[in-house]
Amino acid sequence: MLLNRCVFLWWLAVWLFCLFEPGNQAFAESGDRRIQSPIGQLVIHQPRIGVLFQLKGLKGDGYYRTRNAAGQLCEAEVSLVAGSFAGQSLGIGTAADVVIDVYSLAVSQHLLRVEEVVSDDYLVAYQPGISADMVVRSGLDASGGFILQPQPRWRSWWRLESKGNPCAQVND
């Protein structure tokens, strides 16, 4: 009986290792949509941070800057909510700016269509030079996840506002 359990656990471990192997296609499903230079950049200035013992939350408003179909520079307002279990104290304050480079056409299109982007649905890297859908340059670490919402007002999180075209043209 004990031997059967050990064999089962060993096969389960092998299966999980193969499933989460970095070269696995499940982790690279959006690979053909990634390009070498960023499509756009998301910037959240001075987000608010709250820490309650092990819980750590971050909330801020900013913009996603990219080029529209005509090649003109445009900005869309975006809210960010992030959370993790990396807290070690109790308090509220202001955090460092969050900067995320977007390499995936799917992520960019979701933001421009006013659809939320959840970090768990995409490949996210936390250091430059790694091929990913999004590369976090500053402000977040790999200990948690985040959601990007193109409609910054709190009512939009409850779907009480209509969706519009968020990308307003800006000067270079």
N, C-alpha and C. Protein backbone atom coordinates (compact mmCIF):
# COMPACT_ATOMS: atom_id res chain seq x y z
N MET A 1 0.82 -1.19 0.00
CA MET A 1 0.00 0.00 0.00
C MET A 1 0.87 1.27 0.00
N LEU A 2 1.88 1.28 0.87
CA LEU A 2 2.79 2.42 0.94
C LEU A 2 3.58 2.56 -0.35
N LEU A 3 3.99 1.43 -0.92
CA LEU A 3 4.72 1.46 -2.18
C LEU A 3 3.86 2.04 -3.30
N ASN A 4 2.58 1.69 -3.36
CA ASN A 4 1.67 2.23 -4.38
C ASN A 4 1.54 3.74 -4.24
N ARG A 5 1.46 4.24 -3.02
CA ARG A 5 1.36 5.69 -2.80
C ARG A 5 2.63 6.39 -3.24
N CYS A 6 3.78 5.79 -2.93
CA CYS A 6 5.05 6.39 -3.33
C CYS A 6 5.17 6.45 -4.85
N VAL A 7 4.80 5.37 -5.52
CA VAL A 7 4.84 5.33 -6.99
C VAL A 7 3.89 6.38 -7.56
N PHE A 8 2.70 6.49 -7.01
CA PHE A 8 1.73 7.49 -7.47
C PHE A 8 2.29 8.90 -7.29
N LEU A 9 2.84 9.19 -6.13
CA LEU A 9 3.40 10.53 -5.87
C LEU A 9 4.58 10.82 -6.79
N TRP A 10 5.40 9.80 -7.08
CA TRP A 10 6.52 10.00 -7.97
C TRP A 10 6.03 10.35 -9.37
N TRP A 11 5.04 9.62 -9.89
CA TRP A 11 4.50 9.91 -11.22
C TRP A 11 3.81 11.27 -11.25
N LEU A 12 3.14 11.63 -10.17
CA LEU A 12 2.52 12.95 -10.09
C LEU A 12 3.57 14.05 -10.15
N ALA A 13 4.68 13.86 -9.44
CA ALA A 13 5.76 14.84 -9.46
C ALA A 13 6.36 14.97 -10.85
N VAL A 14 6.57 13.84 -11.54
CA VAL A 14 7.11 13.87 -12.90
C VAL A 14 6.14 14.59 -13.83
N TRP A 15 4.86 14.30 -13.71
CA TRP A 15 3.85 14.94 -14.55
C TRP A 15 3.83 16.45 -14.32
N LEU A 16 3.86 16.88 -13.05
CA LEU A 16 3.85 18.31 -12.75
C LEU A 16 5.11 18.98 -13.27
N PHE A 17 6.26 18.32 -13.14
CA PHE A 17 7.50 18.88 -13.66
C PHE A 17 7.41 19.10 -15.16
N CYS A 18 6.89 18.11 -15.88
CA CYS A 18 6.75 18.23 -17.34
C CYS A 18 5.75 19.31 -17.72
N LEU A 19 4.70 19.45 -16.93
CA LEU A 19 3.68 20.45 -17.21
C LEU A 19 4.23 21.86 -17.07
N PHE A 20 5.04 22.08 -16.05
CA PHE A 20 5.53 23.43 -15.78
C PHE A 20 6.95 23.67 -16.25
N GLU A 21 7.46 22.81 -17.10
CA GLU A 21 8.78 22.99 -17.68
C GLU A 21 8.78 24.28 -18.49
N PRO A 22 9.82 25.15 -18.34
CA PRO A 22 9.83 26.44 -19.05
C PRO A 22 9.68 26.34 -20.56
N GLY A 23 10.10 25.24 -21.17
CA GLY A 23 9.97 25.10 -22.62
C GLY A 23 8.61 24.62 -23.06
N ASN A 24 7.72 24.39 -22.13
CA ASN A 24 6.39 23.87 -22.45
C ASN A 24 5.60 24.88 -23.27
N GLN A 25 4.89 24.40 -24.27
CA GLN A 25 4.11 25.29 -25.14
C GLN A 25 2.96 25.97 -24.43
N ALA A 26 2.48 25.42 -23.33
CA ALA A 26 1.39 26.06 -22.59
C ALA A 26 1.83 27.41 -22.06
N PHE A 27 3.12 27.55 -21.75
CA PHE A 27 3.61 28.81 -21.24
C PHE A 27 3.99 29.76 -22.37
N ALA A 28 4.07 29.28 -23.59
CA ALA A 28 4.49 30.13 -24.70
C ALA A 28 3.39 30.26 -25.74
N GLU A 29 2.15 30.10 -25.32
CA GLU A 29 1.06 30.10 -26.29
C GLU A 29 0.92 31.41 -27.04
N SER A 30 1.31 32.52 -26.43
CA SER A 30 1.18 33.80 -27.13
C SER A 30 2.52 34.23 -27.71
N GLY A 31 3.47 33.31 -27.82
CA GLY A 31 4.81 33.65 -28.26
C GLY A 31 4.88 34.26 -29.64
N ASP A 32 4.04 33.83 -30.57
CA ASP A 32 4.13 34.38 -31.92
C ASP A 32 3.63 35.80 -31.99
N ARG A 33 2.94 36.26 -30.97
CA ARG A 33 2.43 37.63 -30.99
C ARG A 33 3.40 38.61 -30.34
N ARG A 34 4.47 38.11 -29.73
CA ARG A 34 5.44 38.98 -29.08
C ARG A 34 6.41 39.53 -30.11
N ILE A 35 6.86 40.73 -29.88
CA ILE A 35 7.82 41.36 -30.78
C ILE A 35 9.03 41.79 -29.98
N GLN A 36 10.05 42.28 -30.66
CA GLN A 36 11.31 42.61 -30.00
C GLN A 36 11.28 43.92 -29.22
N SER A 37 10.57 44.92 -29.73
CA SER A 37 10.50 46.20 -29.01
C SER A 37 9.09 46.37 -28.46
N PRO A 38 8.96 47.10 -27.35
CA PRO A 38 7.63 47.23 -26.74
C PRO A 38 6.63 47.93 -27.66
N ILE A 39 5.39 47.45 -27.61
CA ILE A 39 4.30 48.08 -28.34
C ILE A 39 3.86 49.34 -27.61
N GLY A 40 3.92 49.27 -26.30
CA GLY A 40 3.49 50.40 -25.48
C GLY A 40 4.06 50.28 -24.08
N GLN A 41 3.78 51.32 -23.29
CA GLN A 41 4.28 51.33 -21.92
C GLN A 41 3.19 51.81 -20.98
N LEU A 42 3.06 51.11 -19.88
CA LEU A 42 2.09 51.45 -18.85
C LEU A 42 2.84 52.11 -17.70
N VAL A 43 2.35 53.26 -17.24
CA VAL A 43 2.99 53.98 -16.13
C VAL A 43 1.92 54.33 -15.11
N ILE A 44 2.15 53.93 -13.87
CA ILE A 44 1.28 54.26 -12.74
C ILE A 44 2.13 55.08 -11.78
N HIS A 45 1.81 56.38 -11.63
CA HIS A 45 2.59 57.26 -10.77
C HIS A 45 2.14 57.16 -9.32
N GLN A 46 3.08 56.93 -8.44
CA GLN A 46 2.89 56.91 -6.99
C GLN A 46 1.61 56.20 -6.54
N PRO A 47 1.52 54.90 -6.79
CA PRO A 47 0.34 54.17 -6.33
C PRO A 47 0.29 54.11 -4.81
N ARG A 48 -0.90 53.93 -4.28
CA ARG A 48 -1.09 53.77 -2.84
C ARG A 48 -0.82 52.32 -2.48
N ILE A 49 -0.18 52.12 -1.34
CA ILE A 49 0.12 50.77 -0.89
C ILE A 49 -0.45 50.57 0.51
N GLY A 50 -1.01 49.42 0.73
CA GLY A 50 -1.53 49.07 2.05
C GLY A 50 -1.01 47.70 2.45
N VAL A 51 -0.57 47.61 3.70
CA VAL A 51 -0.02 46.35 4.20
C VAL A 51 -0.74 45.99 5.49
N LEU A 52 -1.26 44.78 5.54
CA LEU A 52 -1.93 44.28 6.73
C LEU A 52 -1.34 42.91 7.04
N PHE A 53 -0.31 42.93 7.87
CA PHE A 53 0.43 41.72 8.24
C PHE A 53 0.96 41.04 6.99
N GLN A 54 0.44 39.89 6.58
CA GLN A 54 0.97 39.21 5.40
C GLN A 54 0.38 39.72 4.09
N LEU A 55 -0.74 40.41 4.15
CA LEU A 55 -1.38 40.91 2.93
C LEU A 55 -0.77 42.23 2.50
N LYS A 56 -0.55 42.37 1.20
CA LYS A 56 0.01 43.60 0.65
C LYS A 56 -0.79 43.96 -0.59
N GLY A 57 -1.33 45.18 -0.64
CA GLY A 57 -2.12 45.61 -1.78
C GLY A 57 -1.62 46.92 -2.34
N LEU A 58 -1.81 47.09 -3.64
CA LEU A 58 -1.34 48.28 -4.34
C LEU A 58 -2.45 48.72 -5.28
N LYS A 59 -2.74 50.02 -5.32
CA LYS A 59 -3.79 50.56 -6.19
C LYS A 59 -3.33 51.90 -6.71
N GLY A 60 -3.43 52.11 -8.01
CA GLY A 60 -3.03 53.39 -8.57
C GLY A 60 -3.63 53.61 -9.94
N ASP A 61 -3.61 54.87 -10.35
CA ASP A 61 -4.10 55.26 -11.67
C ASP A 61 -2.94 55.80 -12.49
N GLY A 62 -3.01 55.58 -13.79
CA GLY A 62 -1.96 56.06 -14.67
C GLY A 62 -2.42 56.01 -16.11
N TYR A 63 -1.49 55.70 -17.00
CA TYR A 63 -1.83 55.68 -18.42
C TYR A 63 -1.06 54.57 -19.14
N TYR A 64 -1.64 54.16 -20.26
CA TYR A 64 -0.99 53.25 -21.19
C TYR A 64 -0.71 54.05 -22.45
N ARG A 65 0.55 54.20 -22.81
CA ARG A 65 0.93 54.99 -23.98
C ARG A 65 1.38 54.04 -25.09
N THR A 66 0.78 54.22 -26.28
CA THR A 66 1.09 53.38 -27.44
C THR A 66 0.83 54.19 -28.72
N ARG A 67 0.90 53.53 -29.84
CA ARG A 67 0.56 54.18 -31.12
C ARG A 67 -0.73 53.56 -31.65
N ASN A 68 -1.59 54.42 -32.20
CA ASN A 68 -2.85 53.92 -32.75
C ASN A 68 -2.62 53.38 -34.16
N ALA A 69 -3.68 52.97 -34.84
CA ALA A 69 -3.58 52.38 -36.18
C ALA A 69 -2.96 53.34 -37.19
N ALA A 70 -3.14 54.65 -36.97
CA ALA A 70 -2.58 55.65 -37.88
C ALA A 70 -1.13 55.99 -37.54
N GLY A 71 -0.57 55.35 -36.50
CA GLY A 71 0.81 55.61 -36.11
C GLY A 71 0.99 56.80 -35.19
N GLN A 72 -0.11 57.39 -34.73
CA GLN A 72 -0.03 58.54 -33.84
C GLN A 72 0.07 58.07 -32.39
N LEU A 73 0.84 58.82 -31.60
CA LEU A 73 0.99 58.49 -30.19
C LEU A 73 -0.31 58.79 -29.46
N CYS A 74 -0.76 57.85 -28.63
CA CYS A 74 -1.99 58.07 -27.87
C CYS A 74 -1.85 57.48 -26.48
N GLU A 75 -2.71 57.94 -25.57
CA GLU A 75 -2.72 57.48 -24.19
C GLU A 75 -4.11 57.03 -23.79
N ALA A 76 -4.15 55.98 -23.01
CA ALA A 76 -5.41 55.49 -22.43
C ALA A 76 -5.24 55.47 -20.92
N GLU A 77 -6.25 55.95 -20.21
CA GLU A 77 -6.21 55.91 -18.75
C GLU A 77 -6.36 54.46 -18.29
N VAL A 78 -5.57 54.09 -17.28
CA VAL A 78 -5.58 52.72 -16.77
C VAL A 78 -5.45 52.75 -15.26
N SER A 79 -6.18 51.86 -14.60
CA SER A 79 -6.01 51.64 -13.16
C SER A 79 -5.32 50.30 -12.96
N LEU A 80 -4.54 50.23 -11.90
CA LEU A 80 -3.84 49.01 -11.56
C LEU A 80 -4.21 48.61 -10.14
N VAL A 81 -4.49 47.34 -9.95
CA VAL A 81 -4.68 46.77 -8.62
C VAL A 81 -3.76 45.57 -8.55
N ALA A 82 -2.93 45.51 -7.50
CA ALA A 82 -2.00 44.40 -7.33
C ALA A 82 -2.08 43.89 -5.91
N GLY A 83 -1.81 42.63 -5.73
CA GLY A 83 -1.85 42.06 -4.39
C GLY A 83 -0.92 40.88 -4.25
N SER A 84 -0.48 40.66 -3.02
CA SER A 84 0.39 39.52 -2.73
C SER A 84 0.31 39.19 -1.25
N PHE A 85 0.98 38.15 -0.89
CA PHE A 85 1.10 37.75 0.51
C PHE A 85 2.50 38.06 1.02
N ALA A 86 3.08 39.17 0.56
CA ALA A 86 4.46 39.52 0.90
C ALA A 86 4.55 40.60 1.97
N GLY A 87 3.43 40.94 2.59
CA GLY A 87 3.46 41.97 3.63
C GLY A 87 4.14 41.48 4.89
N GLN A 88 4.74 42.43 5.62
CA GLN A 88 5.43 42.07 6.85
C GLN A 88 5.14 43.05 7.97
N SER A 89 4.21 43.97 7.75
CA SER A 89 3.95 44.98 8.77
C SER A 89 2.50 45.43 8.67
N LEU A 90 2.25 46.64 9.12
CA LEU A 90 0.92 47.21 9.10
C LEU A 90 1.06 48.67 8.70
N GLY A 91 0.37 49.13 7.65
CA GLY A 91 0.48 50.53 7.28
C GLY A 91 -0.06 50.84 5.90
N ILE A 92 -0.11 52.15 5.64
CA ILE A 92 -0.57 52.68 4.36
C ILE A 92 0.43 53.73 3.92
N GLY A 93 0.70 53.81 2.63
CA GLY A 93 1.64 54.80 2.14
C GLY A 93 1.62 54.91 0.64
N THR A 94 2.67 55.52 0.12
CA THR A 94 2.84 55.69 -1.32
C THR A 94 4.01 54.83 -1.77
N ALA A 95 3.85 54.14 -2.87
CA ALA A 95 4.89 53.26 -3.39
C ALA A 95 5.60 53.91 -4.57
N ALA A 96 6.66 53.27 -5.01
CA ALA A 96 7.39 53.73 -6.20
C ALA A 96 6.53 53.55 -7.44
N ASP A 97 6.82 54.34 -8.47
CA ASP A 97 6.08 54.24 -9.73
C ASP A 97 6.15 52.82 -10.30
N VAL A 98 5.05 52.41 -10.91
CA VAL A 98 4.99 51.11 -11.59
C VAL A 98 5.15 51.38 -13.08
N VAL A 99 6.11 50.71 -13.70
CA VAL A 99 6.34 50.85 -15.14
C VAL A 99 6.35 49.44 -15.74
N ILE A 100 5.48 49.22 -16.74
CA ILE A 100 5.37 47.92 -17.40
C ILE A 100 5.45 48.13 -18.91
N ASP A 101 6.39 47.45 -19.55
CA ASP A 101 6.48 47.46 -21.01
C ASP A 101 5.58 46.36 -21.55
N VAL A 102 4.80 46.68 -22.58
CA VAL A 102 3.88 45.72 -23.19
C VAL A 102 4.46 45.28 -24.53
N TYR A 103 4.65 43.97 -24.68
CA TYR A 103 5.19 43.39 -25.91
C TYR A 103 4.14 42.60 -26.68
N SER A 104 3.05 42.27 -26.07
CA SER A 104 2.03 41.42 -26.68
C SER A 104 0.94 42.25 -27.35
N LEU A 105 0.63 41.90 -28.60
CA LEU A 105 -0.47 42.56 -29.29
C LEU A 105 -1.79 42.29 -28.58
N ALA A 106 -1.95 41.10 -28.02
CA ALA A 106 -3.19 40.75 -27.32
C ALA A 106 -3.40 41.66 -26.11
N VAL A 107 -2.36 41.88 -25.32
CA VAL A 107 -2.48 42.76 -24.14
C VAL A 107 -2.82 44.18 -24.59
N SER A 108 -2.11 44.68 -25.59
CA SER A 108 -2.35 46.03 -26.09
C SER A 108 -3.78 46.18 -26.61
N GLN A 109 -4.24 45.20 -27.36
CA GLN A 109 -5.60 45.26 -27.90
C GLN A 109 -6.65 45.21 -26.80
N HIS A 110 -6.42 44.41 -25.77
CA HIS A 110 -7.36 44.36 -24.64
C HIS A 110 -7.45 45.73 -23.97
N LEU A 111 -6.32 46.37 -23.75
CA LEU A 111 -6.33 47.69 -23.10
C LEU A 111 -7.02 48.73 -23.98
N LEU A 112 -6.79 48.67 -25.29
CA LEU A 112 -7.40 49.65 -26.19
C LEU A 112 -8.88 49.37 -26.43
N ARG A 113 -9.32 48.13 -26.20
CA ARG A 113 -10.75 47.81 -26.31
C ARG A 113 -11.46 47.95 -24.96
N VAL A 114 -10.77 48.54 -23.99
CA VAL A 114 -11.32 48.78 -22.65
C VAL A 114 -11.71 47.46 -21.97
N GLU A 115 -10.81 46.49 -22.06
CA GLU A 115 -11.01 45.20 -21.41
C GLU A 115 -9.89 44.99 -20.40
N GLU A 116 -10.24 44.43 -19.25
CA GLU A 116 -9.23 44.24 -18.22
C GLU A 116 -8.21 43.19 -18.62
N VAL A 117 -7.02 43.35 -18.07
CA VAL A 117 -5.91 42.43 -18.31
C VAL A 117 -5.48 41.89 -16.95
N VAL A 118 -5.49 40.56 -16.81
CA VAL A 118 -5.10 39.91 -15.56
C VAL A 118 -3.74 39.26 -15.77
N SER A 119 -2.81 39.53 -14.88
CA SER A 119 -1.43 39.05 -15.05
C SER A 119 -1.35 37.53 -15.14
N ASP A 120 -2.24 36.81 -14.49
CA ASP A 120 -2.21 35.35 -14.53
C ASP A 120 -2.51 34.79 -15.92
N ASP A 121 -3.10 35.59 -16.79
CA ASP A 121 -3.46 35.13 -18.13
C ASP A 121 -2.34 35.31 -19.16
N TYR A 122 -1.23 35.95 -18.76
CA TYR A 122 -0.15 36.27 -19.69
C TYR A 122 1.20 35.94 -19.08
N LEU A 123 2.21 35.89 -19.92
CA LEU A 123 3.58 35.72 -19.44
C LEU A 123 4.09 37.08 -18.99
N VAL A 124 4.50 37.16 -17.74
CA VAL A 124 4.99 38.41 -17.17
C VAL A 124 6.41 38.17 -16.68
N ALA A 125 7.35 39.02 -17.12
CA ALA A 125 8.74 38.95 -16.67
C ALA A 125 9.00 40.13 -15.74
N TYR A 126 9.91 39.93 -14.81
CA TYR A 126 10.22 40.97 -13.84
C TYR A 126 11.66 41.46 -13.98
N GLN A 127 12.28 41.14 -15.10
CA GLN A 127 13.60 41.67 -15.41
C GLN A 127 13.72 41.78 -16.93
N PRO A 128 14.42 42.80 -17.41
CA PRO A 128 14.54 42.99 -18.86
C PRO A 128 15.32 41.85 -19.51
N GLY A 129 15.09 41.69 -20.80
CA GLY A 129 15.82 40.69 -21.57
C GLY A 129 15.14 39.34 -21.64
N ILE A 130 14.01 39.18 -20.96
CA ILE A 130 13.28 37.92 -21.00
C ILE A 130 12.08 38.09 -21.92
N SER A 131 11.89 37.14 -22.82
CA SER A 131 10.76 37.21 -23.75
C SER A 131 9.46 36.96 -23.00
N ALA A 132 8.57 37.95 -23.01
CA ALA A 132 7.30 37.85 -22.28
C ALA A 132 6.28 38.78 -22.91
N ASP A 133 5.02 38.62 -22.51
CA ASP A 133 3.96 39.51 -22.97
C ASP A 133 4.08 40.89 -22.35
N MET A 134 4.48 40.91 -21.07
CA MET A 134 4.68 42.16 -20.34
C MET A 134 5.96 42.03 -19.53
N VAL A 135 6.74 43.12 -19.46
CA VAL A 135 7.95 43.14 -18.64
C VAL A 135 7.79 44.27 -17.63
N VAL A 136 7.78 43.90 -16.35
CA VAL A 136 7.67 44.89 -15.27
C VAL A 136 9.05 45.48 -15.05
N ARG A 137 9.18 46.78 -15.30
CA ARG A 137 10.47 47.45 -15.14
C ARG A 137 10.67 47.97 -13.73
N SER A 138 9.58 48.36 -13.05
CA SER A 138 9.71 48.84 -11.68
C SER A 138 8.37 48.83 -10.98
N GLY A 139 8.41 48.79 -9.65
CA GLY A 139 7.21 48.96 -8.84
C GLY A 139 6.50 47.70 -8.40
N LEU A 140 6.71 46.57 -9.07
CA LEU A 140 6.06 45.31 -8.71
C LEU A 140 7.11 44.21 -8.64
N ASP A 141 6.82 43.18 -7.86
CA ASP A 141 7.70 42.02 -7.85
C ASP A 141 6.89 40.77 -8.18
N ALA A 142 7.58 39.67 -8.30
CA ALA A 142 6.94 38.43 -8.76
C ALA A 142 6.14 37.71 -7.67
N SER A 143 6.06 38.28 -6.48
CA SER A 143 5.38 37.58 -5.38
C SER A 143 3.86 37.62 -5.46
N GLY A 144 3.31 38.43 -6.35
CA GLY A 144 1.86 38.52 -6.43
C GLY A 144 1.38 38.67 -7.86
N GLY A 145 0.14 39.09 -8.01
CA GLY A 145 -0.44 39.29 -9.32
C GLY A 145 -1.04 40.68 -9.43
N PHE A 146 -1.50 41.03 -10.63
CA PHE A 146 -2.10 42.35 -10.82
C PHE A 146 -3.18 42.31 -11.88
N ILE A 147 -4.03 43.33 -11.85
CA ILE A 147 -5.09 43.52 -12.84
C ILE A 147 -4.96 44.93 -13.38
N LEU A 148 -5.02 45.07 -14.70
CA LEU A 148 -5.03 46.37 -15.36
C LEU A 148 -6.45 46.60 -15.87
N GLN A 149 -7.01 47.74 -15.53
CA GLN A 149 -8.38 48.08 -15.93
C GLN A 149 -8.35 49.42 -16.65
N PRO A 150 -8.70 49.46 -17.94
CA PRO A 150 -8.63 50.69 -18.71
C PRO A 150 -9.62 51.78 -18.32
N GLN A 151 -10.62 51.49 -17.51
CA GLN A 151 -11.52 52.55 -17.04
C GLN A 151 -11.20 52.81 -15.57
N PRO A 152 -10.59 53.95 -15.27
CA PRO A 152 -10.03 54.15 -13.95
C PRO A 152 -11.02 54.40 -12.82
N ARG A 153 -12.21 54.83 -13.09
CA ARG A 153 -13.13 55.13 -12.00
C ARG A 153 -13.66 53.85 -11.38
N TRP A 154 -13.89 53.89 -10.09
CA TRP A 154 -14.30 52.68 -9.36
C TRP A 154 -15.59 52.10 -9.89
N ARG A 155 -16.47 52.93 -10.43
CA ARG A 155 -17.75 52.40 -10.94
C ARG A 155 -17.54 51.43 -12.09
N SER A 156 -16.47 51.63 -12.85
CA SER A 156 -16.23 50.74 -13.99
C SER A 156 -15.88 49.32 -13.55
N TRP A 157 -15.37 49.16 -12.34
CA TRP A 157 -15.05 47.82 -11.85
C TRP A 157 -16.33 47.02 -11.63
N TRP A 158 -17.43 47.72 -11.43
CA TRP A 158 -18.72 47.06 -11.23
C TRP A 158 -19.54 47.09 -12.52
N ARG A 159 -18.90 47.48 -13.64
CA ARG A 159 -19.53 47.49 -14.97
C ARG A 159 -20.71 48.46 -15.05
N LEU A 160 -20.60 49.61 -14.35
CA LEU A 160 -21.68 50.59 -14.36
C LEU A 160 -21.47 51.69 -15.39
N GLU A 161 -20.36 51.67 -16.10
CA GLU A 161 -20.10 52.68 -17.11
C GLU A 161 -19.99 52.03 -18.48
N SER A 162 -20.35 52.80 -19.48
CA SER A 162 -20.22 52.27 -20.84
C SER A 162 -18.76 52.36 -21.27
N LYS A 163 -18.39 51.46 -22.16
CA LYS A 163 -17.02 51.44 -22.66
C LYS A 163 -16.91 52.38 -23.84
N GLY A 164 -15.83 53.11 -23.89
CA GLY A 164 -15.58 54.00 -25.00
C GLY A 164 -14.19 53.76 -25.54
N ASN A 165 -13.76 54.56 -26.50
CA ASN A 165 -12.41 54.46 -27.02
C ASN A 165 -11.49 55.26 -26.11
N PRO A 166 -10.61 54.60 -25.36
CA PRO A 166 -9.83 55.31 -24.37
C PRO A 166 -8.57 55.97 -24.89
N CYS A 167 -8.17 55.71 -26.12
CA CYS A 167 -6.87 56.16 -26.59
C CYS A 167 -6.96 57.58 -27.17
N ALA A 168 -6.58 58.55 -26.35
CA ALA A 168 -6.61 59.96 -26.77
C ALA A 168 -5.24 60.35 -27.32
N GLN A 169 -5.24 61.03 -28.45
CA GLN A 169 -4.00 61.42 -29.10
C GLN A 169 -3.22 62.41 -28.24
N VAL A 170 -1.89 62.22 -28.17
CA VAL A 170 -1.00 63.13 -27.45
C VAL A 170 0.14 63.54 -28.37
N ASN A 171 0.82 64.60 -28.02
CA ASN A 171 1.96 65.07 -28.82
C ASN A 171 3.21 64.27 -28.47
N ASP A 172 4.06 64.04 -29.49
CA ASP A 172 5.33 63.34 -29.24
C ASP A 172 6.15 64.20 -28.36
